């Protein structure tokens, strides 16, 4: 999305970092650049307003649930890995390792379970 007008801060940069702005997770200097951009660019201002409304709705409808401590720790750990530039594993680091898949030959050679007698 772009209004087609030149801006000091490009529309794509604003939209890429919109949630950081909404969540107050960016430096004040960047916030000021974004606020200036919203004053100049009605499409980005509209997108900002929409995302802000969605965030408020989610908070109102779902904001009463407590986040489990272990989930919060996992999420924060992943965020720290991403910010440090380290590779982020695709699987859950705290979960038990996945069971290895059996090959077709292993499945054929495995003994069949016998029916239990009563």
PDB file of N, CA and C in Angstrom:
ATOM      1  N   UNK A   1       0.851  -1.164   0.000  1.00  0.00           N
ATOM      2  CA  UNK A   1       0.000   0.000   0.000  1.00  0.00           C
ATOM      3  C   UNK A   1       0.896   1.227   0.000  1.00  0.00           C
ATOM      4  N   UNK A   2       0.559   2.177  -0.805  1.00  0.00           N
ATOM      5  CA  UNK A   2       1.271   3.445  -0.853  1.00  0.00           C
ATOM      6  C   UNK A   2       0.340   4.475  -1.453  1.00  0.00           C
ATOM      7  N   UNK A   3       0.487   5.690  -0.992  1.00  0.00           N
ATOM      8  CA  UNK A   3      -0.358   6.747  -1.533  1.00  0.00           C
ATOM      9  C   UNK A   3       0.238   7.307  -2.820  1.00  0.00           C
ATOM     10  N   UNK A   4       1.456   6.891  -3.143  1.00  0.00           N
ATOM     11  CA  UNK A   4       2.107   7.365  -4.354  1.00  0.00           C
ATOM     12  C   UNK A   4       2.897   8.647  -4.170  1.00  0.00           C
ATOM     13  N   UNK A   5       2.807   9.238  -3.014  1.00  0.00           N
ATOM     14  CA  UNK A   5       3.537  10.477  -2.727  1.00  0.00           C
ATOM     15  C   UNK A   5       4.863  10.142  -2.041  1.00  0.00           C
ATOM     16  N   UNK A   6       5.904  10.944  -2.306  1.00  0.00           N
ATOM     17  CA  UNK A   6       7.173  10.705  -1.608  1.00  0.00           C
ATOM     18  C   UNK A   6       7.080  11.168  -0.147  1.00  0.00           C
ATOM     19  N   UNK A   7       7.652  10.381   0.738  1.00  0.00           N
ATOM     20  CA  UNK A   7       7.670  10.698   2.167  1.00  0.00           C
ATOM     21  C   UNK A   7       9.076  10.473   2.694  1.00  0.00           C
ATOM     22  N   UNK A   8       9.390  11.133   3.792  1.00  0.00           N
ATOM     23  CA  UNK A   8      10.695  10.906   4.434  1.00  0.00           C
ATOM     24  C   UNK A   8      10.816   9.434   4.852  1.00  0.00           C
ATOM     25  N   UNK A   9       9.733   8.882   5.390  1.00  0.00           N
ATOM     26  CA  UNK A   9       9.672   7.468   5.758  1.00  0.00           C
ATOM     27  C   UNK A   9       8.738   6.782   4.780  1.00  0.00           C
ATOM     28  N   UNK A  10       9.240   5.791   4.076  1.00  0.00           N
ATOM     29  CA  UNK A  10       8.478   5.097   3.049  1.00  0.00           C
ATOM     30  C   UNK A  10       7.290   4.332   3.644  1.00  0.00           C
ATOM     31  N   UNK A  11       6.203   4.285   2.893  1.00  0.00           N
ATOM     32  CA  UNK A  11       5.001   3.578   3.345  1.00  0.00           C
ATOM     33  C   UNK A  11       5.303   2.122   3.707  1.00  0.00           C
ATOM     34  N   UNK A  12       6.115   1.445   2.905  1.00  0.00           N
ATOM     35  CA  UNK A  12       6.403   0.032   3.180  1.00  0.00           C
ATOM     36  C   UNK A  12       7.119  -0.130   4.521  1.00  0.00           C
ATOM     37  N   UNK A  13       8.004   0.796   4.867  1.00  0.00           N
ATOM     38  CA  UNK A  13       8.684   0.727   6.165  1.00  0.00           C
ATOM     39  C   UNK A  13       7.688   0.924   7.297  1.00  0.00           C
ATOM     40  N   UNK A  14       6.782   1.868   7.141  1.00  0.00           N
ATOM     41  CA  UNK A  14       5.771   2.125   8.164  1.00  0.00           C
ATOM     42  C   UNK A  14       4.900   0.893   8.362  1.00  0.00           C
ATOM     43  N   UNK A  15       4.440   0.306   7.272  1.00  0.00           N
ATOM     44  CA  UNK A  15       3.553  -0.845   7.379  1.00  0.00           C
ATOM     45  C   UNK A  15       4.283  -2.081   7.898  1.00  0.00           C
ATOM     46  N   UNK A  16       5.566  -2.228   7.553  1.00  0.00           N
ATOM     47  CA  UNK A  16       6.351  -3.365   8.053  1.00  0.00           C
ATOM     48  C   UNK A  16       6.547  -3.312   9.560  1.00  0.00           C
ATOM     49  N   UNK A  17       6.551  -2.114  10.126  1.00  0.00           N
ATOM     50  CA  UNK A  17       6.825  -1.950  11.553  1.00  0.00           C
ATOM     51  C   UNK A  17       5.620  -1.382  12.321  1.00  0.00           C
ATOM     52  N   UNK A  18       4.450  -1.529  11.730  1.00  0.00           N
ATOM     53  CA  UNK A  18       3.249  -0.949  12.326  1.00  0.00           C
ATOM     54  C   UNK A  18       2.960  -1.506  13.716  1.00  0.00           C
ATOM     55  N   UNK A  19       3.120  -2.827  13.897  1.00  0.00           N
ATOM     56  CA  UNK A  19       2.817  -3.409  15.203  1.00  0.00           C
ATOM     57  C   UNK A  19       3.834  -2.992  16.262  1.00  0.00           C
ATOM     58  N   UNK A  20       5.061  -2.773  15.862  1.00  0.00           N
ATOM     59  CA  UNK A  20       6.045  -2.248  16.815  1.00  0.00           C
ATOM     60  C   UNK A  20       5.609  -0.852  17.283  1.00  0.00           C
ATOM     61  N   UNK A  21       5.092  -0.061  16.356  1.00  0.00           N
ATOM     62  CA  UNK A  21       4.587   1.272  16.708  1.00  0.00           C
ATOM     63  C   UNK A  21       3.372   1.150  17.625  1.00  0.00           C
ATOM     64  N   UNK A  22       2.425   0.297  17.254  1.00  0.00           N
ATOM     65  CA  UNK A  22       1.215   0.112  18.052  1.00  0.00           C
ATOM     66  C   UNK A  22       1.529  -0.382  19.463  1.00  0.00           C
ATOM     67  N   UNK A  23       2.553  -1.219  19.584  1.00  0.00           N
ATOM     68  CA  UNK A  23       2.899  -1.816  20.873  1.00  0.00           C
ATOM     69  C   UNK A  23       3.931  -1.005  21.646  1.00  0.00           C
ATOM     70  N   UNK A  24       4.272   0.178  21.117  1.00  0.00           N
ATOM     71  CA  UNK A  24       5.257   1.056  21.765  1.00  0.00           C
ATOM     72  C   UNK A  24       6.587   0.348  21.985  1.00  0.00           C
ATOM     73  N   UNK A  25       7.038  -0.376  20.955  1.00  0.00           N
ATOM     74  CA  UNK A  25       8.269  -1.150  21.042  1.00  0.00           C
ATOM     75  C   UNK A  25       9.356  -0.592  20.133  1.00  0.00           C
ATOM     76  N   UNK A  26       9.297   0.697  19.850  1.00  0.00           N
ATOM     77  CA  UNK A  26      10.320   1.306  19.001  1.00  0.00           C
ATOM     78  C   UNK A  26      10.815   2.588  19.658  1.00  0.00           C
ATOM     79  N   UNK A  27      12.013   3.000  19.278  1.00  0.00           N
ATOM     80  CA  UNK A  27      12.569   4.233  19.854  1.00  0.00           C
ATOM     81  C   UNK A  27      11.678   5.443  19.568  1.00  0.00           C
ATOM     82  N   UNK A  28      11.749   6.437  20.446  1.00  0.00           N
ATOM     83  CA  UNK A  28      10.930   7.641  20.298  1.00  0.00           C
ATOM     84  C   UNK A  28      11.179   8.343  18.963  1.00  0.00           C
ATOM     85  N   UNK A  29      12.427   8.321  18.496  1.00  0.00           N
ATOM     86  CA  UNK A  29      12.731   8.986  17.222  1.00  0.00           C
ATOM     87  C   UNK A  29      11.979   8.335  16.063  1.00  0.00           C
ATOM     88  N   UNK A  30      11.864   7.006  16.092  1.00  0.00           N
ATOM     89  CA  UNK A  30      11.113   6.307  15.048  1.00  0.00           C
ATOM     90  C   UNK A  30       9.615   6.581  15.190  1.00  0.00           C
ATOM     91  N   UNK A  31       9.143   6.651  16.426  1.00  0.00           N
ATOM     92  CA  UNK A  31       7.722   6.962  16.653  1.00  0.00           C
ATOM     93  C   UNK A  31       7.372   8.323  16.059  1.00  0.00           C
ATOM     94  N   UNK A  32       8.259   9.269  16.243  1.00  0.00           N
ATOM     95  CA  UNK A  32       8.033  10.611  15.701  1.00  0.00           C
ATOM     96  C   UNK A  32       7.968  10.569  14.174  1.00  0.00           C
ATOM     97  N   UNK A  33       8.868   9.786  13.552  1.00  0.00           N
ATOM     98  CA  UNK A  33       8.846   9.646  12.088  1.00  0.00           C
ATOM     99  C   UNK A  33       7.523   9.036  11.632  1.00  0.00           C
ATOM    100  N   UNK A  34       7.038   8.048  12.359  1.00  0.00           N
ATOM    101  CA  UNK A  34       5.787   7.398  11.988  1.00  0.00           C
ATOM    102  C   UNK A  34       4.608   8.360  12.146  1.00  0.00           C
ATOM    103  N   UNK A  35       4.591   9.096  13.236  1.00  0.00           N
ATOM    104  CA  UNK A  35       3.499  10.060  13.452  1.00  0.00           C
ATOM    105  C   UNK A  35       3.473  11.106  12.343  1.00  0.00           C
ATOM    106  N   UNK A  36       4.658  11.564  11.933  1.00  0.00           N
ATOM    107  CA  UNK A  36       4.743  12.523  10.823  1.00  0.00           C
ATOM    108  C   UNK A  36       4.210  11.893   9.546  1.00  0.00           C
ATOM    109  N   UNK A  37       4.574  10.631   9.325  1.00  0.00           N
ATOM    110  CA  UNK A  37       4.108   9.930   8.126  1.00  0.00           C
ATOM    111  C   UNK A  37       2.577   9.823   8.132  1.00  0.00           C
ATOM    112  N   UNK A  38       1.996   9.486   9.282  1.00  0.00           N
ATOM    113  CA  UNK A  38       0.534   9.357   9.353  1.00  0.00           C
ATOM    114  C   UNK A  38      -0.163  10.687   9.075  1.00  0.00           C
ATOM    115  N   UNK A  39       0.461  11.801   9.445  1.00  0.00           N
ATOM    116  CA  UNK A  39      -0.110  13.119   9.163  1.00  0.00           C
ATOM    117  C   UNK A  39      -0.123  13.407   7.665  1.00  0.00           C
ATOM    118  N   UNK A  40       0.839  12.829   6.932  1.00  0.00           N
ATOM    119  CA  UNK A  40       0.981  13.086   5.495  1.00  0.00           C
ATOM    120  C   UNK A  40       0.284  12.052   4.617  1.00  0.00           C
ATOM    121  N   UNK A  41       0.038  10.868   5.145  1.00  0.00           N
ATOM    122  CA  UNK A  41      -0.380   9.741   4.300  1.00  0.00           C
ATOM    123  C   UNK A  41      -1.682   9.127   4.817  1.00  0.00           C
ATOM    124  N   UNK A  42      -2.775   9.435   4.148  1.00  0.00           N
ATOM    125  CA  UNK A  42      -4.070   8.934   4.621  1.00  0.00           C
ATOM    126  C   UNK A  42      -4.229   7.416   4.486  1.00  0.00           C
ATOM    127  N   UNK A  43      -3.688   6.738   3.439  1.00  0.00           N
ATOM    128  CA  UNK A  43      -3.824   5.277   3.407  1.00  0.00           C
ATOM    129  C   UNK A  43      -3.132   4.596   4.590  1.00  0.00           C
ATOM    130  N   UNK A  44      -1.952   5.081   4.965  1.00  0.00           N
ATOM    131  CA  UNK A  44      -1.251   4.483   6.108  1.00  0.00           C
ATOM    132  C   UNK A  44      -1.974   4.818   7.411  1.00  0.00           C
ATOM    133  N   UNK A  45      -2.512   6.029   7.508  1.00  0.00           N
ATOM    134  CA  UNK A  45      -3.276   6.413   8.694  1.00  0.00           C
ATOM    135  C   UNK A  45      -4.510   5.529   8.832  1.00  0.00           C
ATOM    136  N   UNK A  46      -5.159   5.241   7.712  1.00  0.00           N
ATOM    137  CA  UNK A  46      -6.335   4.374   7.729  1.00  0.00           C
ATOM    138  C   UNK A  46      -5.959   2.961   8.186  1.00  0.00           C
ATOM    139  N   UNK A  47      -4.853   2.435   7.666  1.00  0.00           N
ATOM    140  CA  UNK A  47      -4.380   1.102   8.058  1.00  0.00           C
ATOM    141  C   UNK A  47      -4.029   1.090   9.548  1.00  0.00           C
ATOM    142  N   UNK A  48      -3.371   2.135  10.011  1.00  0.00           N
ATOM    143  CA  UNK A  48      -3.039   2.263  11.433  1.00  0.00           C
ATOM    144  C   UNK A  48      -4.304   2.245  12.284  1.00  0.00           C
ATOM    145  N   UNK A  49      -5.310   3.022  11.883  1.00  0.00           N
ATOM    146  CA  UNK A  49      -6.564   3.070  12.631  1.00  0.00           C
ATOM    147  C   UNK A  49      -7.253   1.722  12.676  1.00  0.00           C
ATOM    148  N   UNK A  50      -7.236   1.004  11.559  1.00  0.00           N
ATOM    149  CA  UNK A  50      -7.851  -0.318  11.503  1.00  0.00           C
ATOM    150  C   UNK A  50      -7.127  -1.288  12.441  1.00  0.00           C
ATOM    151  N   UNK A  51      -5.814  -1.314  12.363  1.00  0.00           N
ATOM    152  CA  UNK A  51      -5.042  -2.235  13.213  1.00  0.00           C
ATOM    153  C   UNK A  51      -5.187  -1.869  14.689  1.00  0.00           C
ATOM    154  N   UNK A  52      -5.271  -0.588  14.984  1.00  0.00           N
ATOM    155  CA  UNK A  52      -5.462  -0.140  16.360  1.00  0.00           C
ATOM    156  C   UNK A  52      -6.830  -0.610  16.880  1.00  0.00           C
ATOM    157  N   UNK A  53      -7.851  -0.516  16.041  1.00  0.00           N
ATOM    158  CA  UNK A  53      -9.194  -0.962  16.427  1.00  0.00           C
ATOM    159  C   UNK A  53      -9.225  -2.468  16.659  1.00  0.00           C
ATOM    160  N   UNK A  54      -8.558  -3.233  15.783  1.00  0.00           N
ATOM    161  CA  UNK A  54      -8.504  -4.687  15.950  1.00  0.00           C
ATOM    162  C   UNK A  54      -7.799  -5.039  17.249  1.00  0.00           C
ATOM    163  N   UNK A  55      -6.705  -4.362  17.530  1.00  0.00           N
ATOM    164  CA  UNK A  55      -5.961  -4.619  18.761  1.00  0.00           C
ATOM    165  C   UNK A  55      -6.831  -4.346  19.993  1.00  0.00           C
ATOM    166  N   UNK A  56      -7.582  -3.265  19.976  1.00  0.00           N
ATOM    167  CA  UNK A  56      -8.467  -2.937  21.104  1.00  0.00           C
ATOM    168  C   UNK A  56      -9.572  -3.988  21.249  1.00  0.00           C
ATOM    169  N   UNK A  57     -10.116  -4.435  20.125  1.00  0.00           N
ATOM    170  CA  UNK A  57     -11.171  -5.449  20.158  1.00  0.00           C
ATOM    171  C   UNK A  57     -10.639  -6.759  20.742  1.00  0.00           C
ATOM    172  N   UNK A  58      -9.479  -7.173  20.305  1.00  0.00           N
ATOM    173  CA  UNK A  58      -8.875  -8.408  20.820  1.00  0.00           C
ATOM    174  C   UNK A  58      -8.618  -8.277  22.316  1.00  0.00           C
ATOM    175  N   UNK A  59      -8.111  -7.128  22.734  1.00  0.00           N
ATOM    176  CA  UNK A  59      -7.838  -6.919  24.159  1.00  0.00           C
ATOM    177  C   UNK A  59      -9.133  -6.986  24.960  1.00  0.00           C
ATOM    178  N   UNK A  60     -10.190  -6.384  24.438  1.00  0.00           N
ATOM    179  CA  UNK A  60     -11.461  -6.383  25.153  1.00  0.00           C
ATOM    180  C   UNK A  60     -12.054  -7.789  25.237  1.00  0.00           C
ATOM    181  N   UNK A  61     -11.946  -8.545  24.147  1.00  0.00           N
ATOM    182  CA  UNK A  61     -12.563  -9.876  24.101  1.00  0.00           C
ATOM    183  C   UNK A  61     -11.684 -10.966  24.704  1.00  0.00           C
ATOM    184  N   UNK A  62     -10.393 -10.820  24.605  1.00  0.00           N
ATOM    185  CA  UNK A  62      -9.490 -11.901  25.013  1.00  0.00           C
ATOM    186  C   UNK A  62      -8.479 -11.467  26.066  1.00  0.00           C
ATOM    187  N   UNK A  63      -8.557 -10.247  26.513  1.00  0.00           N
ATOM    188  CA  UNK A  63      -7.530  -9.719  27.397  1.00  0.00           C
ATOM    189  C   UNK A  63      -7.621 -10.175  28.829  1.00  0.00           C
ATOM    190  N   UNK A  64      -8.608 -10.981  29.154  1.00  0.00           N
ATOM    191  CA  UNK A  64      -8.785 -11.391  30.538  1.00  0.00           C
ATOM    192  C   UNK A  64      -8.130 -12.728  30.836  1.00  0.00           C
ATOM    193  N   UNK A  65      -7.641 -13.402  29.811  1.00  0.00           N
ATOM    194  CA  UNK A  65      -7.011 -14.706  30.006  1.00  0.00           C
ATOM    195  C   UNK A  65      -5.557 -14.520  30.399  1.00  0.00           C
ATOM    196  N   UNK A  66      -5.149 -15.233  31.429  1.00  0.00           N
ATOM    197  CA  UNK A  66      -3.754 -15.186  31.840  1.00  0.00           C
ATOM    198  C   UNK A  66      -2.937 -16.092  30.925  1.00  0.00           C
ATOM    199  N   UNK A  67      -1.770 -15.617  30.558  1.00  0.00           N
ATOM    200  CA  UNK A  67      -0.871 -16.395  29.719  1.00  0.00           C
ATOM    201  C   UNK A  67      -0.060 -17.307  30.635  1.00  0.00           C
ATOM    202  N   UNK A  68       0.001 -18.612  30.340  1.00  0.00           N
ATOM    203  CA  UNK A  68       0.808 -19.504  31.168  1.00  0.00           C
ATOM    204  C   UNK A  68       2.265 -19.038  31.197  1.00  0.00           C
ATOM    205  N   UNK A  69       2.879 -19.120  32.354  1.00  0.00           N
ATOM    206  CA  UNK A  69       4.245 -18.641  32.537  1.00  0.00           C
ATOM    207  C   UNK A  69       5.204 -19.327  31.575  1.00  0.00           C
ATOM    208  N   UNK A  70       5.057 -20.629  31.383  1.00  0.00           N
ATOM    209  CA  UNK A  70       5.984 -21.336  30.504  1.00  0.00           C
ATOM    210  C   UNK A  70       5.830 -20.894  29.048  1.00  0.00           C
ATOM    211  N   UNK A  71       4.606 -20.578  28.625  1.00  0.00           N
ATOM    212  CA  UNK A  71       4.405 -20.090  27.263  1.00  0.00           C
ATOM    213  C   UNK A  71       5.077 -18.735  27.080  1.00  0.00           C
ATOM    214  N   UNK A  72       4.887 -17.865  28.051  1.00  0.00           N
ATOM    215  CA  UNK A  72       5.519 -16.542  27.982  1.00  0.00           C
ATOM    216  C   UNK A  72       7.039 -16.687  27.899  1.00  0.00           C
ATOM    217  N   UNK A  73       7.604 -17.573  28.690  1.00  0.00           N
ATOM    218  CA  UNK A  73       9.059 -17.788  28.685  1.00  0.00           C
ATOM    219  C   UNK A  73       9.523 -18.307  27.318  1.00  0.00           C
ATOM    220  N   UNK A  74       8.764 -19.227  26.726  1.00  0.00           N
ATOM    221  CA  UNK A  74       9.121 -19.761  25.404  1.00  0.00           C
ATOM    222  C   UNK A  74       9.090 -18.656  24.341  1.00  0.00           C
ATOM    223  N   UNK A  75       8.036 -17.871  24.360  1.00  0.00           N
ATOM    224  CA  UNK A  75       7.898 -16.799  23.369  1.00  0.00           C
ATOM    225  C   UNK A  75       9.023 -15.779  23.532  1.00  0.00           C
ATOM    226  N   UNK A  76       9.283 -15.381  24.765  1.00  0.00           N
ATOM    227  CA  UNK A  76      10.348 -14.403  25.006  1.00  0.00           C
ATOM    228  C   UNK A  76      11.711 -14.970  24.606  1.00  0.00           C
ATOM    229  N   UNK A  77      11.924 -16.260  24.837  1.00  0.00           N
ATOM    230  CA  UNK A  77      13.172 -16.906  24.424  1.00  0.00           C
ATOM    231  C   UNK A  77      13.351 -16.870  22.915  1.00  0.00           C
ATOM    232  N   UNK A  78      12.279 -17.140  22.189  1.00  0.00           N
ATOM    233  CA  UNK A  78      12.338 -17.078  20.713  1.00  0.00           C
ATOM    234  C   UNK A  78      12.602 -15.656  20.229  1.00  0.00           C
ATOM    235  N   UNK A  79      11.965 -14.695  20.857  1.00  0.00           N
ATOM    236  CA  UNK A  79      12.183 -13.299  20.479  1.00  0.00           C
ATOM    237  C   UNK A  79      13.643 -12.929  20.701  1.00  0.00           C
ATOM    238  N   UNK A  80      14.206 -13.350  21.836  1.00  0.00           N
ATOM    239  CA  UNK A  80      15.625 -13.071  22.110  1.00  0.00           C
ATOM    240  C   UNK A  80      16.528 -13.702  21.059  1.00  0.00           C
ATOM    241  N   UNK A  81      16.215 -14.943  20.639  1.00  0.00           N
ATOM    242  CA  UNK A  81      17.010 -15.608  19.598  1.00  0.00           C
ATOM    243  C   UNK A  81      16.947 -14.830  18.282  1.00  0.00           C
ATOM    244  N   UNK A  82      15.748 -14.414  17.917  1.00  0.00           N
ATOM    245  CA  UNK A  82      15.570 -13.681  16.666  1.00  0.00           C
ATOM    246  C   UNK A  82      16.324 -12.363  16.711  1.00  0.00           C
ATOM    247  N   UNK A  83      16.191 -11.643  17.808  1.00  0.00           N
ATOM    248  CA  UNK A  83      16.871 -10.345  17.934  1.00  0.00           C
ATOM    249  C   UNK A  83      18.379 -10.486  17.918  1.00  0.00           C
ATOM    250  N   UNK A  84      18.896 -11.594  18.457  1.00  0.00           N
ATOM    251  CA  UNK A  84      20.350 -11.782  18.495  1.00  0.00           C
ATOM    252  C   UNK A  84      20.891 -12.287  17.160  1.00  0.00           C
ATOM    253  N   UNK A  85      19.995 -12.632  16.235  1.00  0.00           N
ATOM    254  CA  UNK A  85      20.421 -13.082  14.917  1.00  0.00           C
ATOM    255  C   UNK A  85      20.741 -14.561  14.861  1.00  0.00           C
ATOM    256  N   UNK A  86      20.462 -15.299  15.924  1.00  0.00           N
ATOM    257  CA  UNK A  86      20.719 -16.736  15.937  1.00  0.00           C
ATOM    258  C   UNK A  86      19.634 -17.464  15.157  1.00  0.00           C
ATOM    259  N   UNK A  87      19.985 -18.649  14.692  1.00  0.00           N
ATOM    260  CA  UNK A  87      19.009 -19.469  13.981  1.00  0.00           C
ATOM    261  C   UNK A  87      17.940 -19.918  14.958  1.00  0.00           C
ATOM    262  N   UNK A  88      16.705 -19.855  14.526  1.00  0.00           N
ATOM    263  CA  UNK A  88      15.585 -20.249  15.373  1.00  0.00           C
ATOM    264  C   UNK A  88      15.112 -21.618  14.909  1.00  0.00           C
ATOM    265  N   UNK A  89      15.141 -22.608  15.806  1.00  0.00           N
ATOM    266  CA  UNK A  89      14.694 -23.950  15.411  1.00  0.00           C
ATOM    267  C   UNK A  89      13.214 -23.958  15.069  1.00  0.00           C
ATOM    268  N   UNK A  90      12.834 -24.841  14.165  1.00  0.00           N
ATOM    269  CA  UNK A  90      11.441 -24.941  13.734  1.00  0.00           C
ATOM    270  C   UNK A  90      10.573 -25.656  14.761  1.00  0.00           C
ATOM    271  N   UNK A  91      11.181 -26.494  15.599  1.00  0.00           N
ATOM    272  CA  UNK A  91      10.401 -27.247  16.581  1.00  0.00           C
ATOM    273  C   UNK A  91      10.527 -26.613  17.958  1.00  0.00           C
ATOM    274  N   UNK A  92       9.657 -27.005  18.833  1.00  0.00           N
ATOM    275  CA  UNK A  92       9.630 -26.504  20.205  1.00  0.00           C
ATOM    276  C   UNK A  92      10.845 -27.050  20.957  1.00  0.00           C
ATOM    277  N   UNK A  93      11.669 -26.164  21.482  1.00  0.00           N
ATOM    278  CA  UNK A  93      12.884 -26.576  22.167  1.00  0.00           C
ATOM    279  C   UNK A  93      12.607 -27.311  23.469  1.00  0.00           C
ATOM    280  N   UNK A  94      11.465 -27.071  24.074  1.00  0.00           N
ATOM    281  CA  UNK A  94      11.180 -27.660  25.375  1.00  0.00           C
ATOM    282  C   UNK A  94      10.334 -28.922  25.281  1.00  0.00           C
ATOM    283  N   UNK A  95       9.864 -29.241  24.098  1.00  0.00           N
ATOM    284  CA  UNK A  95       9.024 -30.421  23.936  1.00  0.00           C
ATOM    285  C   UNK A  95       9.893 -31.666  23.809  1.00  0.00           C
ATOM    286  N   UNK A  96       9.285 -32.810  24.064  1.00  0.00           N
ATOM    287  CA  UNK A  96       9.994 -34.074  23.880  1.00  0.00           C
ATOM    288  C   UNK A  96      10.317 -34.228  22.398  1.00  0.00           C
ATOM    289  N   UNK A  97      11.459 -34.830  22.082  1.00  0.00           N
ATOM    290  CA  UNK A  97      11.800 -34.997  20.670  1.00  0.00           C
ATOM    291  C   UNK A  97      10.757 -35.843  19.969  1.00  0.00           C
ATOM    292  N   UNK A  98      10.494 -35.539  18.700  1.00  0.00           N
ATOM    293  CA  UNK A  98       9.482 -36.305  17.972  1.00  0.00           C
ATOM    294  C   UNK A  98       9.927 -37.752  17.801  1.00  0.00           C
ATOM    295  N   UNK A  99       8.942 -38.639  17.787  1.00  0.00           N
ATOM    296  CA  UNK A  99       9.232 -40.055  17.582  1.00  0.00           C
ATOM    297  C   UNK A  99       9.751 -40.256  16.162  1.00  0.00           C
ATOM    298  N   UNK A 100      10.820 -41.047  16.002  1.00  0.00           N
ATOM    299  CA  UNK A 100      11.302 -41.288  14.639  1.00  0.00           C
ATOM    300  C   UNK A 100      10.287 -42.126  13.874  1.00  0.00           C
ATOM    301  N   UNK A 101      10.150 -41.819  12.607  1.00  0.00           N
ATOM    302  CA  UNK A 101       9.211 -42.574  11.786  1.00  0.00           C
ATOM    303  C   UNK A 101       9.807 -43.923  11.445  1.00  0.00           C
ATOM    304  N   UNK A 102       8.973 -44.957  11.464  1.00  0.00           N
ATOM    305  CA  UNK A 102       9.431 -46.282  11.093  1.00  0.00           C
ATOM    306  C   UNK A 102       9.372 -46.422   9.582  1.00  0.00           C
ATOM    307  N   UNK A 103      10.340 -47.134   9.057  1.00  0.00           N
ATOM    308  CA  UNK A 103      10.295 -47.416   7.633  1.00  0.00           C
ATOM    309  C   UNK A 103       9.271 -48.515   7.396  1.00  0.00           C
ATOM    310  N   UNK A 104       8.893 -48.716   6.152  1.00  0.00           N
ATOM    311  CA  UNK A 104       7.924 -49.751   5.810  1.00  0.00           C
ATOM    312  C   UNK A 104       8.465 -51.124   6.202  1.00  0.00           C
ATOM    313  N   UNK A 105       9.772 -51.358   6.025  1.00  0.00           N
ATOM    314  CA  UNK A 105      10.381 -52.643   6.385  1.00  0.00           C
ATOM    315  C   UNK A 105      10.298 -52.870   7.889  1.00  0.00           C
ATOM    316  N   UNK A 106      10.510 -51.819   8.679  1.00  0.00           N
ATOM    317  CA  UNK A 106      10.429 -51.953  10.139  1.00  0.00           C
ATOM    318  C   UNK A 106       9.000 -52.270  10.567  1.00  0.00           C
ATOM    319  N   UNK A 107       8.039 -51.645   9.920  1.00  0.00           N
ATOM    320  CA  UNK A 107       6.643 -51.898  10.283  1.00  0.00           C
ATOM    321  C   UNK A 107       6.252 -53.339   9.947  1.00  0.00           C
ATOM    322  N   UNK A 108       6.746 -53.879   8.807  1.00  0.00           N
ATOM    323  CA  UNK A 108       6.411 -55.250   8.408  1.00  0.00           C
ATOM    324  C   UNK A 108       7.042 -56.262   9.354  1.00  0.00           C
ATOM    325  N   UNK A 109       8.251 -55.963   9.852  1.00  0.00           N
ATOM    326  CA  UNK A 109       8.946 -56.938  10.693  1.00  0.00           C
ATOM    327  C   UNK A 109       8.554 -56.842  12.165  1.00  0.00           C
ATOM    328  N   UNK A 110       7.825 -55.811  12.538  1.00  0.00           N
ATOM    329  CA  UNK A 110       7.416 -55.656  13.937  1.00  0.00           C
ATOM    330  C   UNK A 110       6.357 -56.692  14.259  1.00  0.00           C
ATOM    331  N   UNK A 111       6.444 -57.319  15.459  1.00  0.00           N
ATOM    332  CA  UNK A 111       5.424 -58.324  15.815  1.00  0.00           C
ATOM    333  C   UNK A 111       4.062 -57.674  15.988  1.00  0.00           C
ATOM    334  N   UNK A 112       3.033 -58.389  15.571  1.00  0.00           N
ATOM    335  CA  UNK A 112       1.663 -57.895  15.720  1.00  0.00           C
ATOM    336  C   UNK A 112       1.253 -58.069  17.167  1.00  0.00           C
ATOM    337  N   UNK A 113       0.505 -57.106  17.679  1.00  0.00           N
ATOM    338  CA  UNK A 113       0.015 -57.280  19.048  1.00  0.00           C
ATOM    339  C   UNK A 113      -0.963 -58.454  19.118  1.00  0.00           C
ATOM    340  N   UNK A 114      -0.818 -59.281  20.136  1.00  0.00           N
ATOM    341  CA  UNK A 114      -1.716 -60.432  20.265  1.00  0.00           C
ATOM    342  C   UNK A 114      -2.941 -60.030  21.068  1.00  0.00           C
ATOM    343  N   UNK A 115      -4.087 -60.580  20.749  1.00  0.00           N
ATOM    344  CA  UNK A 115      -5.294 -60.244  21.503  1.00  0.00           C
ATOM    345  C   UNK A 115      -5.163 -60.757  22.933  1.00  0.00           C
ATOM    346  N   UNK A 116      -5.612 -59.959  23.863  1.00  0.00           N
ATOM    347  CA  UNK A 116      -5.537 -60.354  25.267  1.00  0.00           C
ATOM    348  C   UNK A 116      -6.698 -61.281  25.601  1.00  0.00           C
ATOM    349  N   UNK A 117      -6.400 -62.276  26.416  1.00  0.00           N
ATOM    350  CA  UNK A 117      -7.455 -63.212  26.812  1.00  0.00           C
ATOM    351  C   UNK A 117      -8.139 -62.684  28.065  1.00  0.00           C
ATOM    352  N   UNK A 118      -9.439 -62.903  28.177  1.00  0.00           N
ATOM    353  CA  UNK A 118     -10.175 -62.438  29.348  1.00  0.00           C
ATOM    354  C   UNK A 118     -10.490 -63.583  30.260  1.00  0.00           C
TER     355      UNK A 118
END
